[in-house]
Amino acid sequence: MTVNSERERVKEKVVKLLNVSRERGASENEAITAAQRAAELMTHFDIEASELSIRSTRSAEKIAKKRRYGSRQIATRCAYWVAQLCDCMTWQYPDRHVFFGLPHDAEIAAHLFDTISNGILAEADIYKASAHFPLAVERARQEYGIDARAVVGTFITGVEDRICGRLRILRDGKDQAVQEATGRSLVIVRADQVKKDFEALEIKLRHRRTQQSVWSAVAYRSGAAAGDRIPLSRGVKSEGPTARLK
């Protein structure tokens, strides 16, 4: 095997390792481990990010249905951090979230959002059936004059806040691993492709801030603890976390 042919073979392996973050069934830890292995190969063979081809596919839209608890939309604030983690853009309609990015990235983002939404609703049902719930409701009624639904809403806010924090940490860890593996240039190339593909859609986005009230500190803390239990695997296997939660 010549030096050039071996170098080309290693470049192909590096691309496959970097694509692990978009492969079916890959967890966040697997993606970071693959990026670290790619970094070792690129350093050893002196391979630059500009030599790697990642423009094999164009961006695509994937839809995630919105779920509700009463009139409240579930996990809407988490959608931004899901998109950040999966290198996507996101926007919403009254009944759905759209994730826009490279096909595997967008597919994983939509699946992860479904996992989170299902998990929040499952945890809310568990909380309402727990011995802690009536105590929190009684205390909130005495201190704030609010009903059980507001207590559950505060619990959900705690869950969502904790999940947003976890997603942000995962995003920062993934970005650091990719930058160390390939240099910032690879991140820019992928972001530029998604941006150009989005501009071709001629969609105008409007930013909207949402803020939820916290009525019960006890319920909020219970929600934050529940937010740690919801799996954030980015795999898209049908037998994955979403299927187990349904």
C-alpha atoms as a PDB file:
ATOM      1  CA  MET A   1       0.000   0.000   0.000  1.00  0.00           C
ATOM      2  CA  THR A   2       1.424   3.398  -0.993  1.00  0.00           C
ATOM      3  CA  VAL A   3       1.592   6.347   1.386  1.00  0.00           C
ATOM      4  CA  ASN A   4      -1.050   8.237  -0.625  1.00  0.00           C
ATOM      5  CA  SER A   5      -3.472   5.302  -0.723  1.00  0.00           C
ATOM      6  CA  GLU A   6      -3.094   4.765   3.028  1.00  0.00           C
ATOM      7  CA  ARG A   7      -3.690   8.467   3.622  1.00  0.00           C
ATOM      8  CA  GLU A   8      -6.885   8.348   1.552  1.00  0.00           C
ATOM      9  CA  ARG A   9      -8.035   5.290   3.483  1.00  0.00           C
ATOM     10  CA  VAL A  10      -7.426   7.075   6.795  1.00  0.00           C
ATOM     11  CA  LYS A  11      -9.318  10.163   5.548  1.00  0.00           C
ATOM     12  CA  GLU A  12     -12.299   7.951   4.743  1.00  0.00           C
ATOM     13  CA  LYS A  13     -12.097   6.451   8.234  1.00  0.00           C
ATOM     14  CA  VAL A  14     -11.940   9.928   9.806  1.00  0.00           C
ATOM     15  CA  VAL A  15     -15.086  11.001   7.928  1.00  0.00           C
ATOM     16  CA  LYS A  16     -16.879   7.854   9.109  1.00  0.00           C
ATOM     17  CA  LEU A  17     -15.831   8.556  12.697  1.00  0.00           C
ATOM     18  CA  LEU A  18     -17.080  12.147  12.479  1.00  0.00           C
ATOM     19  CA  ASN A  19     -20.354  10.892  11.024  1.00  0.00           C
ATOM     20  CA  VAL A  20     -20.932   8.690  14.094  1.00  0.00           C
ATOM     21  CA  SER A  21     -22.703  11.691  15.658  1.00  0.00           C
ATOM     22  CA  ARG A  22     -25.328  11.297  12.953  1.00  0.00           C
ATOM     23  CA  GLU A  23     -25.491   7.518  12.745  1.00  0.00           C
ATOM     24  CA  ARG A  24     -28.462   5.431  13.867  1.00  0.00           C
ATOM     25  CA  GLY A  25     -28.134   4.405  17.487  1.00  0.00           C
ATOM     26  CA  ALA A  26     -25.138   6.616  18.337  1.00  0.00           C
ATOM     27  CA  SER A  27     -25.223   8.084  21.828  1.00  0.00           C
ATOM     28  CA  GLU A  28     -23.601  11.370  22.785  1.00  0.00           C
ATOM     29  CA  ASN A  29     -20.718   9.522  24.499  1.00  0.00           C
ATOM     30  CA  GLU A  30     -20.162   7.429  21.370  1.00  0.00           C
ATOM     31  CA  ALA A  31     -20.101  10.561  19.232  1.00  0.00           C
ATOM     32  CA  ILE A  32     -17.537  12.266  21.471  1.00  0.00           C
ATOM     33  CA  THR A  33     -15.368   9.124  21.606  1.00  0.00           C
ATOM     34  CA  ALA A  34     -15.472   8.883  17.810  1.00  0.00           C
ATOM     35  CA  ALA A  35     -14.500  12.548  17.468  1.00  0.00           C
ATOM     36  CA  GLN A  36     -11.552  12.015  19.818  1.00  0.00           C
ATOM     37  CA  ARG A  37     -10.391   9.010  17.770  1.00  0.00           C
ATOM     38  CA  ALA A  38     -10.708  11.105  14.614  1.00  0.00           C
ATOM     39  CA  ALA A  39      -8.534  13.761  16.247  1.00  0.00           C
ATOM     40  CA  GLU A  40      -5.802  11.217  16.934  1.00  0.00           C
ATOM     41  CA  LEU A  41      -5.801  10.020  13.317  1.00  0.00           C
ATOM     42  CA  MET A  42      -5.817  13.555  11.901  1.00  0.00           C
ATOM     43  CA  THR A  43      -2.904  14.537  14.118  1.00  0.00           C
ATOM     44  CA  HIS A  44      -0.885  11.411  13.314  1.00  0.00           C
ATOM     45  CA  PHE A  45      -1.392  11.684   9.544  1.00  0.00           C
ATOM     46  CA  ASP A  46      -1.351  15.510   9.453  1.00  0.00           C
ATOM     47  CA  ILE A  47      -4.822  15.713   7.883  1.00  0.00           C
ATOM     48  CA  GLU A  48      -6.537  19.111   7.648  1.00  0.00           C
ATOM     49  CA  ALA A  49     -10.289  19.606   7.948  1.00  0.00           C
ATOM     50  CA  SER A  50     -10.338  21.164   4.469  1.00  0.00           C
ATOM     51  CA  GLU A  51      -9.304  17.776   3.035  1.00  0.00           C
ATOM     52  CA  LEU A  52     -12.438  16.071   4.353  1.00  0.00           C
ATOM     53  CA  SER A  53     -15.654  15.918   2.362  1.00  0.00           C
ATOM     54  CA  ILE A  54     -18.844  16.353   4.375  1.00  0.00           C
ATOM     55  CA  ARG A  55     -20.976  17.953   1.643  1.00  0.00           C
ATOM     56  CA  SER A  56     -22.409  14.697   0.377  1.00  0.00           C
ATOM     57  CA  THR A  57     -26.005  15.547   1.263  1.00  0.00           C
ATOM     58  CA  ARG A  58     -28.153  18.646   1.374  1.00  0.00           C
ATOM     59  CA  SER A  59     -30.148  19.814   4.346  1.00  0.00           C
ATOM     60  CA  ALA A  60     -33.602  18.453   5.097  1.00  0.00           C
ATOM     61  CA  GLU A  61     -36.584  19.176   7.351  1.00  0.00           C
ATOM     62  CA  LYS A  62     -37.791  16.756  10.015  1.00  0.00           C
ATOM     63  CA  ILE A  63     -41.033  17.269  11.922  1.00  0.00           C
ATOM     64  CA  ALA A  64     -41.651  16.665  15.624  1.00  0.00           C
ATOM     65  CA  LYS A  65     -45.244  16.865  16.832  1.00  0.00           C
ATOM     66  CA  LYS A  66     -45.954  19.191  19.739  1.00  0.00           C
ATOM     67  CA  ARG A  67     -47.360  17.605  22.868  1.00  0.00           C
ATOM     68  CA  ARG A  68     -49.417  19.364  25.509  1.00  0.00           C
ATOM     69  CA  TYR A  69     -50.328  19.166  29.143  1.00  0.00           C
ATOM     70  CA  GLY A  70     -53.708  20.899  29.132  1.00  0.00           C
ATOM     71  CA  SER A  71     -53.131  24.109  27.185  1.00  0.00           C
ATOM     72  CA  ARG A  72     -49.382  24.148  27.892  1.00  0.00           C
ATOM     73  CA  GLN A  73     -46.973  23.189  25.117  1.00  0.00           C
ATOM     74  CA  ILE A  74     -44.409  20.662  26.314  1.00  0.00           C
ATOM     75  CA  ALA A  75     -40.634  21.060  25.811  1.00  0.00           C
ATOM     76  CA  THR A  76     -40.905  24.083  23.527  1.00  0.00           C
ATOM     77  CA  ARG A  77     -37.998  25.795  25.283  1.00  0.00           C
ATOM     78  CA  CYS A  78     -35.923  22.624  24.884  1.00  0.00           C
ATOM     79  CA  ALA A  79     -36.227  22.697  21.083  1.00  0.00           C
ATOM     80  CA  TYR A  80     -33.554  25.402  20.741  1.00  0.00           C
ATOM     81  CA  TRP A  81     -30.971  23.384  22.687  1.00  0.00           C
ATOM     82  CA  VAL A  82     -31.884  20.186  20.843  1.00  0.00           C
ATOM     83  CA  ALA A  83     -31.187  22.018  17.590  1.00  0.00           C
ATOM     84  CA  GLN A  84     -27.911  23.390  18.973  1.00  0.00           C
ATOM     85  CA  LEU A  85     -26.753  19.929  20.032  1.00  0.00           C
ATOM     86  CA  CYS A  86     -27.649  18.411  16.660  1.00  0.00           C
ATOM     87  CA  ASP A  87     -26.231  21.238  14.480  1.00  0.00           C
ATOM     88  CA  CYS A  88     -29.669  22.222  13.198  1.00  0.00           C
ATOM     89  CA  MET A  89     -31.934  25.222  12.894  1.00  0.00           C
ATOM     90  CA  THR A  90     -35.435  25.039  14.355  1.00  0.00           C
ATOM     91  CA  TRP A  91     -38.735  26.847  14.138  1.00  0.00           C
ATOM     92  CA  GLN A  92     -42.285  26.059  15.189  1.00  0.00           C
ATOM     93  CA  TYR A  93     -45.886  26.061  14.076  1.00  0.00           C
ATOM     94  CA  PRO A  94     -48.934  25.729  16.346  1.00  0.00           C
ATOM     95  CA  ASP A  95     -48.858  21.925  16.131  1.00  0.00           C
ATOM     96  CA  ARG A  96     -45.239  21.021  15.404  1.00  0.00           C
ATOM     97  CA  HIS A  97     -41.534  21.844  15.601  1.00  0.00           C
ATOM     98  CA  VAL A  98     -39.334  21.729  12.511  1.00  0.00           C
ATOM     99  CA  PHE A  99     -35.660  20.773  12.682  1.00  0.00           C
ATOM    100  CA  PHE A 100     -33.588  21.727   9.655  1.00  0.00           C
ATOM    101  CA  GLY A 101     -30.083  20.416   9.029  1.00  0.00           C
ATOM    102  CA  LEU A 102     -28.098  17.637   7.388  1.00  0.00           C
ATOM    103  CA  PRO A 103     -30.487  14.665   7.041  1.00  0.00           C
ATOM    104  CA  HIS A 104     -29.147  12.508   9.897  1.00  0.00           C
ATOM    105  CA  ASP A 105     -28.756  15.528  12.181  1.00  0.00           C
ATOM    106  CA  ALA A 106     -32.343  16.656  11.581  1.00  0.00           C
ATOM    107  CA  GLU A 107     -33.684  13.123  12.045  1.00  0.00           C
ATOM    108  CA  ILE A 108     -31.849  12.732  15.342  1.00  0.00           C
ATOM    109  CA  ALA A 109     -33.007  16.169  16.543  1.00  0.00           C
ATOM    110  CA  ALA A 110     -36.667  15.338  15.853  1.00  0.00           C
ATOM    111  CA  HIS A 111     -36.317  11.990  17.615  1.00  0.00           C
ATOM    112  CA  LEU A 112     -34.588  13.557  20.613  1.00  0.00           C
ATOM    113  CA  PHE A 113     -37.319  16.179  20.914  1.00  0.00           C
ATOM    114  CA  ASP A 114     -39.933  13.382  20.852  1.00  0.00           C
ATOM    115  CA  THR A 115     -38.000  11.524  23.549  1.00  0.00           C
ATOM    116  CA  ILE A 116     -37.890  14.611  25.750  1.00  0.00           C
ATOM    117  CA  SER A 117     -41.575  15.455  25.228  1.00  0.00           C
ATOM    118  CA  ASN A 118     -42.704  11.913  26.011  1.00  0.00           C
ATOM    119  CA  GLY A 119     -40.390  11.795  29.011  1.00  0.00           C
ATOM    120  CA  ILE A 120     -41.749  15.028  30.488  1.00  0.00           C
ATOM    121  CA  LEU A 121     -45.346  13.833  30.196  1.00  0.00           C
ATOM    122  CA  ALA A 122     -44.423  10.456  31.705  1.00  0.00           C
ATOM    123  CA  GLU A 123     -42.640  12.139  34.621  1.00  0.00           C
ATOM    124  CA  ALA A 124     -45.615  14.467  35.185  1.00  0.00           C
ATOM    125  CA  ASP A 125     -47.931  11.447  35.490  1.00  0.00           C
ATOM    126  CA  ILE A 126     -45.508   9.783  37.938  1.00  0.00           C
ATOM    127  CA  TYR A 127     -45.332  12.966  40.014  1.00  0.00           C
ATOM    128  CA  LYS A 128     -49.123  13.341  40.194  1.00  0.00           C
ATOM    129  CA  ALA A 129     -49.390   9.753  41.474  1.00  0.00           C
ATOM    130  CA  SER A 130     -46.645  10.214  44.090  1.00  0.00           C
ATOM    131  CA  ALA A 131     -47.079  10.840  47.808  1.00  0.00           C
ATOM    132  CA  HIS A 132     -45.253  14.178  47.437  1.00  0.00           C
ATOM    133  CA  PHE A 133     -47.858  15.691  45.097  1.00  0.00           C
ATOM    134  CA  PRO A 134     -50.802  16.226  47.506  1.00  0.00           C
ATOM    135  CA  LEU A 135     -48.422  17.730  50.077  1.00  0.00           C
ATOM    136  CA  ALA A 136     -47.038  20.166  47.492  1.00  0.00           C
ATOM    137  CA  VAL A 137     -50.573  21.046  46.359  1.00  0.00           C
ATOM    138  CA  GLU A 138     -51.759  21.749  49.896  1.00  0.00           C
ATOM    139  CA  ARG A 139     -48.742  23.896  50.670  1.00  0.00           C
ATOM    140  CA  ALA A 140     -49.079  25.837  47.404  1.00  0.00           C
ATOM    141  CA  ARG A 141     -52.786  26.387  48.055  1.00  0.00           C
ATOM    142  CA  GLN A 142     -52.086  27.780  51.500  1.00  0.00           C
ATOM    143  CA  GLU A 143     -49.123  29.961  50.497  1.00  0.00           C
ATOM    144  CA  TYR A 144     -50.118  31.118  47.003  1.00  0.00           C
ATOM    145  CA  GLY A 145     -53.780  30.232  46.583  1.00  0.00           C
ATOM    146  CA  ILE A 146     -53.084  28.136  43.468  1.00  0.00           C
ATOM    147  CA  ASP A 147     -54.541  24.836  42.359  1.00  0.00           C
ATOM    148  CA  ALA A 148     -53.057  21.435  41.498  1.00  0.00           C
ATOM    149  CA  ARG A 149     -52.685  22.246  37.798  1.00  0.00           C
ATOM    150  CA  ALA A 150     -50.379  25.176  38.603  1.00  0.00           C
ATOM    151  CA  VAL A 151     -48.278  22.880  40.793  1.00  0.00           C
ATOM    152  CA  VAL A 152     -47.907  20.396  37.940  1.00  0.00           C
ATOM    153  CA  GLY A 153     -47.026  23.285  35.635  1.00  0.00           C
ATOM    154  CA  THR A 154     -44.264  24.334  38.018  1.00  0.00           C
ATOM    155  CA  PHE A 155     -43.020  20.732  38.122  1.00  0.00           C
ATOM    156  CA  ILE A 156     -42.859  20.703  34.306  1.00  0.00           C
ATOM    157  CA  THR A 157     -40.941  23.997  34.335  1.00  0.00           C
ATOM    158  CA  GLY A 158     -38.372  22.380  36.631  1.00  0.00           C
ATOM    159  CA  VAL A 159     -38.048  19.408  34.283  1.00  0.00           C
ATOM    160  CA  GLU A 160     -37.611  21.607  31.223  1.00  0.00           C
ATOM    161  CA  ASP A 161     -35.077  23.911  32.879  1.00  0.00           C
ATOM    162  CA  ARG A 162     -32.951  20.948  33.936  1.00  0.00           C
ATOM    163  CA  ILE A 163     -33.113  19.347  30.493  1.00  0.00           C
ATOM    164  CA  CYS A 164     -32.110  22.631  28.849  1.00  0.00           C
ATOM    165  CA  GLY A 165     -29.108  22.764  31.166  1.00  0.00           C
ATOM    166  CA  ARG A 166     -28.105  19.198  30.317  1.00  0.00           C
ATOM    167  CA  LEU A 167     -28.474  19.820  26.582  1.00  0.00           C
ATOM    168  CA  ARG A 168     -26.325  22.937  26.845  1.00  0.00           C
ATOM    169  CA  ILE A 169     -23.569  20.967  28.612  1.00  0.00           C
ATOM    170  CA  LEU A 170     -23.729  18.210  25.973  1.00  0.00           C
ATOM    171  CA  ARG A 171     -23.593  20.794  23.181  1.00  0.00           C
ATOM    172  CA  ASP A 172     -20.534  22.474  24.694  1.00  0.00           C
ATOM    173  CA  GLY A 173     -18.789  19.113  25.193  1.00  0.00           C
ATOM    174  CA  LYS A 174     -19.525  17.994  21.647  1.00  0.00           C
ATOM    175  CA  ASP A 175     -18.350  21.285  20.136  1.00  0.00           C
ATOM    176  CA  GLN A 176     -15.113  21.115  22.096  1.00  0.00           C
ATOM    177  CA  ALA A 177     -14.475  17.526  20.992  1.00  0.00           C
ATOM    178  CA  VAL A 178     -15.163  18.336  17.326  1.00  0.00           C
ATOM    179  CA  GLN A 179     -12.984  21.439  17.431  1.00  0.00           C
ATOM    180  CA  GLU A 180     -10.118  19.498  18.958  1.00  0.00           C
ATOM    181  CA  ALA A 181     -10.592  16.752  16.367  1.00  0.00           C
ATOM    182  CA  THR A 182     -10.943  18.809  13.209  1.00  0.00           C
ATOM    183  CA  GLY A 183     -10.457  22.484  13.958  1.00  0.00           C
ATOM    184  CA  ARG A 184     -13.167  25.113  13.908  1.00  0.00           C
ATOM    185  CA  SER A 185     -13.220  25.014  10.104  1.00  0.00           C
ATOM    186  CA  LEU A 186     -15.266  21.802   9.965  1.00  0.00           C
ATOM    187  CA  VAL A 187     -17.922  23.288  12.240  1.00  0.00           C
ATOM    188  CA  ILE A 188     -18.073  26.392  10.034  1.00  0.00           C
ATOM    189  CA  VAL A 189     -18.380  24.349   6.827  1.00  0.00           C
ATOM    190  CA  ARG A 190     -21.351  22.405   8.199  1.00  0.00           C
ATOM    191  CA  ALA A 191     -23.021  25.516   9.591  1.00  0.00           C
ATOM    192  CA  ASP A 192     -22.546  27.376   6.300  1.00  0.00           C
ATOM    193  CA  GLN A 193     -24.149  24.567   4.327  1.00  0.00           C
ATOM    194  CA  VAL A 194     -27.224  24.497   6.577  1.00  0.00           C
ATOM    195  CA  LYS A 195     -27.476  28.308   6.463  1.00  0.00           C
ATOM    196  CA  LYS A 196     -27.306  28.416   2.657  1.00  0.00           C
ATOM    197  CA  ASP A 197     -29.879  25.652   2.311  1.00  0.00           C
ATOM    198  CA  PHE A 198     -32.167  27.477   4.757  1.00  0.00           C
ATOM    199  CA  GLU A 199     -31.858  30.748   2.844  1.00  0.00           C
ATOM    200  CA  ALA A 200     -33.090  28.933  -0.261  1.00  0.00           C
ATOM    201  CA  LEU A 201     -36.368  28.200   1.566  1.00  0.00           C
ATOM    202  CA  GLU A 202     -37.053  31.959   1.889  1.00  0.00           C
ATOM    203  CA  ILE A 203     -38.572  31.508   5.347  1.00  0.00           C
ATOM    204  CA  LYS A 204     -38.593  34.483   7.703  1.00  0.00           C
ATOM    205  CA  LEU A 205     -38.217  33.566  11.357  1.00  0.00           C
ATOM    206  CA  ARG A 206     -39.378  35.627  14.322  1.00  0.00           C
ATOM    207  CA  HIS A 207     -37.858  35.140  17.750  1.00  0.00           C
ATOM    208  CA  ARG A 208     -40.217  34.808  20.693  1.00  0.00           C
ATOM    209  CA  ARG A 209     -39.289  34.570  24.354  1.00  0.00           C
ATOM    210  CA  THR A 210     -41.264  32.379  26.712  1.00  0.00           C
ATOM    211  CA  GLN A 211     -41.113  32.408  30.493  1.00  0.00           C
ATOM    212  CA  GLN A 212     -42.940  30.125  32.881  1.00  0.00           C
ATOM    213  CA  SER A 213     -43.966  31.067  36.400  1.00  0.00           C
ATOM    214  CA  VAL A 214     -42.636  29.131  39.380  1.00  0.00           C
ATOM    215  CA  TRP A 215     -45.343  28.845  42.050  1.00  0.00           C
ATOM    216  CA  SER A 216     -44.009  25.987  44.160  1.00  0.00           C
ATOM    217  CA  ALA A 217     -40.325  25.632  45.032  1.00  0.00           C
ATOM    218  CA  VAL A 218     -40.955  22.051  46.156  1.00  0.00           C
ATOM    219  CA  ALA A 219     -42.583  21.087  42.858  1.00  0.00           C
ATOM    220  CA  TYR A 220     -39.849  22.857  40.892  1.00  0.00           C
ATOM    221  CA  ARG A 221     -37.100  20.910  42.702  1.00  0.00           C
ATOM    222  CA  SER A 222     -38.969  17.654  42.085  1.00  0.00           C
ATOM    223  CA  GLY A 223     -39.160  18.585  38.417  1.00  0.00           C
ATOM    224  CA  ALA A 224     -35.428  19.320  38.235  1.00  0.00           C
ATOM    225  CA  ALA A 225     -34.703  15.889  39.731  1.00  0.00           C
ATOM    226  CA  ALA A 226     -37.019  14.295  37.162  1.00  0.00           C
ATOM    227  CA  GLY A 227     -35.169  16.172  34.417  1.00  0.00           C
ATOM    228  CA  ASP A 228     -32.056  14.216  35.327  1.00  0.00           C
ATOM    229  CA  ARG A 229     -33.872  10.911  34.752  1.00  0.00           C
ATOM    230  CA  ILE A 230     -34.974  11.534  31.170  1.00  0.00           C
ATOM    231  CA  PRO A 231     -32.560   9.899  28.688  1.00  0.00           C
ATOM    232  CA  LEU A 232     -30.887  12.187  26.156  1.00  0.00           C
ATOM    233  CA  SER A 233     -29.538   9.544  23.804  1.00  0.00           C
ATOM    234  CA  ARG A 234     -29.452  10.896  20.264  1.00  0.00           C
ATOM    235  CA  GLY A 235     -30.019   7.522  18.593  1.00  0.00           C
ATOM    236  CA  VAL A 236     -33.009   7.001  16.285  1.00  0.00           C
ATOM    237  CA  LYS A 237     -33.687   3.295  16.666  1.00  0.00           C
ATOM    238  CA  SER A 238     -37.380   2.456  16.911  1.00  0.00           C
ATOM    239  CA  GLU A 239     -36.737   0.406  20.032  1.00  0.00           C
ATOM    240  CA  GLY A 240     -35.023   3.351  21.730  1.00  0.00           C
ATOM    241  CA  PRO A 241     -36.073   5.508  24.697  1.00  0.00           C
ATOM    242  CA  THR A 242     -39.108   7.025  22.977  1.00  0.00           C
ATOM    243  CA  ALA A 243     -40.650   3.624  22.337  1.00  0.00           C
ATOM    244  CA  ARG A 244     -40.105   2.613  25.961  1.00  0.00           C
ATOM    245  CA  LEU A 245     -41.800   5.734  27.270  1.00  0.00           C
ATOM    246  CA  LYS A 246     -44.978   5.375  25.206  1.00  0.00           C
END
